[in-house]
Amino acid sequence: MAVDRLLTVSQVAELLGTTVRFPRRLIEERRITFVKVGRHVRIPEAAVHAFVQEHTVAPVPAARSRLRSVA
């Protein structure tokens, strides 16, 4: 059984490129999986990747312009 690496809130913030306030809010709102180790909170690395995957927005293909050139 492969054990997923547990990250601190600071490590998650660095990975996401945010302040520590953002992952703390995700934890408080129960929007990301986390583990309580005593009074410490850890987030599985796979949960961070899953969160990013779920919230990734695909680009919209550019629509062709209906206007014709006048030249």
N, C-alpha and C. Protein backbone atom coordinates (compact mmCIF):
# COMPACT_ATOMS: atom_id res chain seq x y z
N MET A 1 0.85 -1.19 0.00
CA MET A 1 0.00 0.00 0.00
C MET A 1 0.89 1.24 0.00
N ALA A 2 0.68 2.12 -0.97
CA ALA A 2 1.46 3.35 -1.06
C ALA A 2 0.85 4.40 -0.13
N VAL A 3 1.69 5.00 0.67
CA VAL A 3 1.22 6.03 1.61
C VAL A 3 1.41 7.39 0.95
N ASP A 4 0.34 8.16 0.95
CA ASP A 4 0.37 9.50 0.37
C ASP A 4 1.10 10.45 1.32
N ARG A 5 1.89 11.34 0.78
CA ARG A 5 2.61 12.31 1.60
C ARG A 5 1.64 13.32 2.20
N LEU A 6 1.78 13.58 3.50
CA LEU A 6 0.93 14.55 4.17
C LEU A 6 1.65 15.89 4.23
N LEU A 7 0.96 16.93 3.77
CA LEU A 7 1.56 18.26 3.69
C LEU A 7 1.00 19.17 4.78
N THR A 8 1.82 20.10 5.22
CA THR A 8 1.35 21.11 6.17
C THR A 8 0.56 22.16 5.41
N VAL A 9 -0.14 23.00 6.13
CA VAL A 9 -0.91 24.08 5.52
C VAL A 9 0.04 25.01 4.76
N SER A 10 1.20 25.28 5.31
CA SER A 10 2.18 26.14 4.65
C SER A 10 2.66 25.53 3.34
N GLN A 11 2.91 24.23 3.35
CA GLN A 11 3.36 23.55 2.13
C GLN A 11 2.28 23.58 1.05
N VAL A 12 1.03 23.41 1.45
CA VAL A 12 -0.08 23.47 0.49
C VAL A 12 -0.20 24.87 -0.09
N ALA A 13 -0.07 25.88 0.76
CA ALA A 13 -0.13 27.26 0.29
C ALA A 13 0.97 27.53 -0.72
N GLU A 14 2.16 27.05 -0.44
CA GLU A 14 3.28 27.25 -1.37
C GLU A 14 3.03 26.50 -2.68
N LEU A 15 2.50 25.30 -2.59
CA LEU A 15 2.21 24.50 -3.78
C LEU A 15 1.16 25.18 -4.66
N LEU A 16 0.17 25.79 -4.03
CA LEU A 16 -0.90 26.47 -4.77
C LEU A 16 -0.54 27.90 -5.14
N GLY A 17 0.51 28.42 -4.55
CA GLY A 17 0.91 29.80 -4.84
C GLY A 17 -0.02 30.81 -4.17
N THR A 18 -0.48 30.47 -2.97
CA THR A 18 -1.40 31.34 -2.24
C THR A 18 -0.82 31.61 -0.84
N THR A 19 -1.56 32.37 -0.06
CA THR A 19 -1.20 32.56 1.34
C THR A 19 -1.77 31.38 2.13
N VAL A 20 -1.35 31.22 3.38
CA VAL A 20 -1.85 30.11 4.20
C VAL A 20 -3.34 30.26 4.52
N ARG A 21 -3.85 31.46 4.36
CA ARG A 21 -5.26 31.69 4.65
C ARG A 21 -6.18 30.88 3.73
N PHE A 22 -5.78 30.72 2.46
CA PHE A 22 -6.62 29.99 1.51
C PHE A 22 -6.78 28.52 1.88
N PRO A 23 -5.69 27.75 2.09
CA PRO A 23 -5.91 26.35 2.50
C PRO A 23 -6.61 26.22 3.85
N ARG A 24 -6.38 27.15 4.75
CA ARG A 24 -7.09 27.11 6.04
C ARG A 24 -8.60 27.28 5.82
N ARG A 25 -8.97 28.16 4.87
CA ARG A 25 -10.38 28.35 4.57
C ARG A 25 -10.97 27.10 3.92
N LEU A 26 -10.20 26.44 3.04
CA LEU A 26 -10.67 25.20 2.43
C LEU A 26 -10.94 24.15 3.50
N ILE A 27 -10.07 24.09 4.49
CA ILE A 27 -10.24 23.13 5.60
C ILE A 27 -11.47 23.48 6.42
N GLU A 28 -11.59 24.75 6.77
CA GLU A 28 -12.72 25.19 7.61
C GLU A 28 -14.06 24.93 6.92
N GLU A 29 -14.10 25.13 5.60
CA GLU A 29 -15.34 24.95 4.84
C GLU A 29 -15.52 23.50 4.37
N ARG A 30 -14.58 22.62 4.76
CA ARG A 30 -14.62 21.19 4.41
C ARG A 30 -14.66 20.99 2.89
N ARG A 31 -13.88 21.81 2.17
CA ARG A 31 -13.82 21.71 0.71
C ARG A 31 -12.62 20.90 0.23
N ILE A 32 -11.77 20.44 1.16
CA ILE A 32 -10.62 19.62 0.82
C ILE A 32 -10.44 18.56 1.91
N THR A 33 -9.96 17.40 1.52
CA THR A 33 -9.71 16.33 2.48
C THR A 33 -8.53 16.70 3.36
N PHE A 34 -8.65 16.46 4.66
CA PHE A 34 -7.54 16.72 5.56
C PHE A 34 -7.50 15.68 6.67
N VAL A 35 -6.37 15.62 7.36
CA VAL A 35 -6.15 14.65 8.42
C VAL A 35 -5.77 15.42 9.68
N LYS A 36 -6.40 15.07 10.80
CA LYS A 36 -6.02 15.65 12.09
C LYS A 36 -5.02 14.71 12.75
N VAL A 37 -3.85 15.23 13.05
CA VAL A 37 -2.83 14.48 13.77
C VAL A 37 -2.62 15.21 15.09
N GLY A 38 -3.33 14.75 16.11
CA GLY A 38 -3.33 15.51 17.36
C GLY A 38 -3.99 16.85 17.11
N ARG A 39 -3.28 17.92 17.39
CA ARG A 39 -3.82 19.25 17.11
C ARG A 39 -3.34 19.80 15.78
N HIS A 40 -2.55 19.02 15.07
CA HIS A 40 -2.00 19.45 13.79
C HIS A 40 -2.93 19.01 12.65
N VAL A 41 -2.93 19.79 11.59
CA VAL A 41 -3.74 19.48 10.42
C VAL A 41 -2.80 19.21 9.26
N ARG A 42 -3.02 18.11 8.55
CA ARG A 42 -2.22 17.76 7.39
C ARG A 42 -3.16 17.47 6.23
N ILE A 43 -2.69 17.77 5.02
CA ILE A 43 -3.50 17.56 3.83
C ILE A 43 -2.75 16.59 2.92
N PRO A 44 -3.40 15.48 2.53
CA PRO A 44 -2.74 14.54 1.63
C PRO A 44 -2.42 15.22 0.29
N GLU A 45 -1.24 14.92 -0.24
CA GLU A 45 -0.82 15.54 -1.50
C GLU A 45 -1.81 15.22 -2.62
N ALA A 46 -2.34 14.01 -2.61
CA ALA A 46 -3.32 13.62 -3.64
C ALA A 46 -4.58 14.48 -3.56
N ALA A 47 -4.96 14.90 -2.36
CA ALA A 47 -6.15 15.75 -2.20
C ALA A 47 -5.92 17.12 -2.83
N VAL A 48 -4.70 17.63 -2.72
CA VAL A 48 -4.37 18.93 -3.33
C VAL A 48 -4.46 18.81 -4.85
N HIS A 49 -3.87 17.74 -5.39
CA HIS A 49 -3.92 17.54 -6.84
C HIS A 49 -5.35 17.33 -7.33
N ALA A 50 -6.16 16.61 -6.56
CA ALA A 50 -7.56 16.39 -6.92
C ALA A 50 -8.33 17.71 -6.89
N PHE A 51 -8.06 18.55 -5.89
CA PHE A 51 -8.72 19.85 -5.78
C PHE A 51 -8.40 20.70 -7.00
N VAL A 52 -7.13 20.73 -7.38
CA VAL A 52 -6.72 21.51 -8.56
C VAL A 52 -7.39 20.97 -9.81
N GLN A 53 -7.42 19.65 -9.96
CA GLN A 53 -8.04 19.03 -11.13
C GLN A 53 -9.52 19.36 -11.22
N GLU A 54 -10.23 19.30 -10.08
CA GLU A 54 -11.67 19.58 -10.06
C GLU A 54 -11.98 21.03 -10.41
N HIS A 55 -11.06 21.94 -10.09
CA HIS A 55 -11.31 23.36 -10.29
C HIS A 55 -10.58 23.94 -11.50
N THR A 56 -10.05 23.06 -12.34
CA THR A 56 -9.39 23.52 -13.55
C THR A 56 -10.45 23.76 -14.61
N VAL A 57 -10.38 24.93 -15.23
CA VAL A 57 -11.34 25.33 -16.25
C VAL A 57 -10.67 25.22 -17.61
N ALA A 58 -11.29 24.47 -18.50
CA ALA A 58 -10.74 24.29 -19.85
C ALA A 58 -10.98 25.56 -20.68
N PRO A 59 -10.06 25.88 -21.56
CA PRO A 59 -10.25 27.07 -22.39
C PRO A 59 -11.38 26.86 -23.39
N VAL A 60 -12.03 27.95 -23.76
CA VAL A 60 -13.11 27.91 -24.73
C VAL A 60 -12.50 28.19 -26.10
N PRO A 61 -12.83 27.38 -27.10
CA PRO A 61 -12.28 27.64 -28.43
C PRO A 61 -12.74 29.00 -28.94
N ALA A 62 -11.85 29.71 -29.58
CA ALA A 62 -12.17 31.04 -30.09
C ALA A 62 -13.21 30.92 -31.20
N ALA A 63 -14.23 31.74 -31.11
CA ALA A 63 -15.29 31.75 -32.13
C ALA A 63 -14.80 32.55 -33.33
N ARG A 64 -15.15 32.07 -34.50
CA ARG A 64 -14.77 32.81 -35.71
C ARG A 64 -15.61 34.07 -35.80
N SER A 65 -15.00 35.11 -36.19
CA SER A 65 -15.70 36.38 -36.33
C SER A 65 -16.70 36.33 -37.48
N ARG A 66 -17.86 36.86 -37.27
CA ARG A 66 -18.88 36.89 -38.33
C ARG A 66 -18.69 38.08 -39.27
N LEU A 67 -17.88 39.03 -38.84
CA LEU A 67 -17.66 40.22 -39.65
C LEU A 67 -16.70 39.91 -40.79
N ARG A 68 -17.01 40.42 -41.94
CA ARG A 68 -16.13 40.23 -43.09
C ARG A 68 -15.19 41.42 -43.19
N SER A 69 -14.03 41.18 -43.74
CA SER A 69 -13.10 42.31 -43.92
C SER A 69 -13.64 43.20 -45.05
N VAL A 70 -13.41 44.48 -44.93
CA VAL A 70 -13.93 45.44 -45.89
C VAL A 70 -12.94 45.77 -47.00
N ALA A 71 -11.76 45.29 -46.91
CA ALA A 71 -10.76 45.66 -47.91
C ALA A 71 -10.91 44.93 -49.19
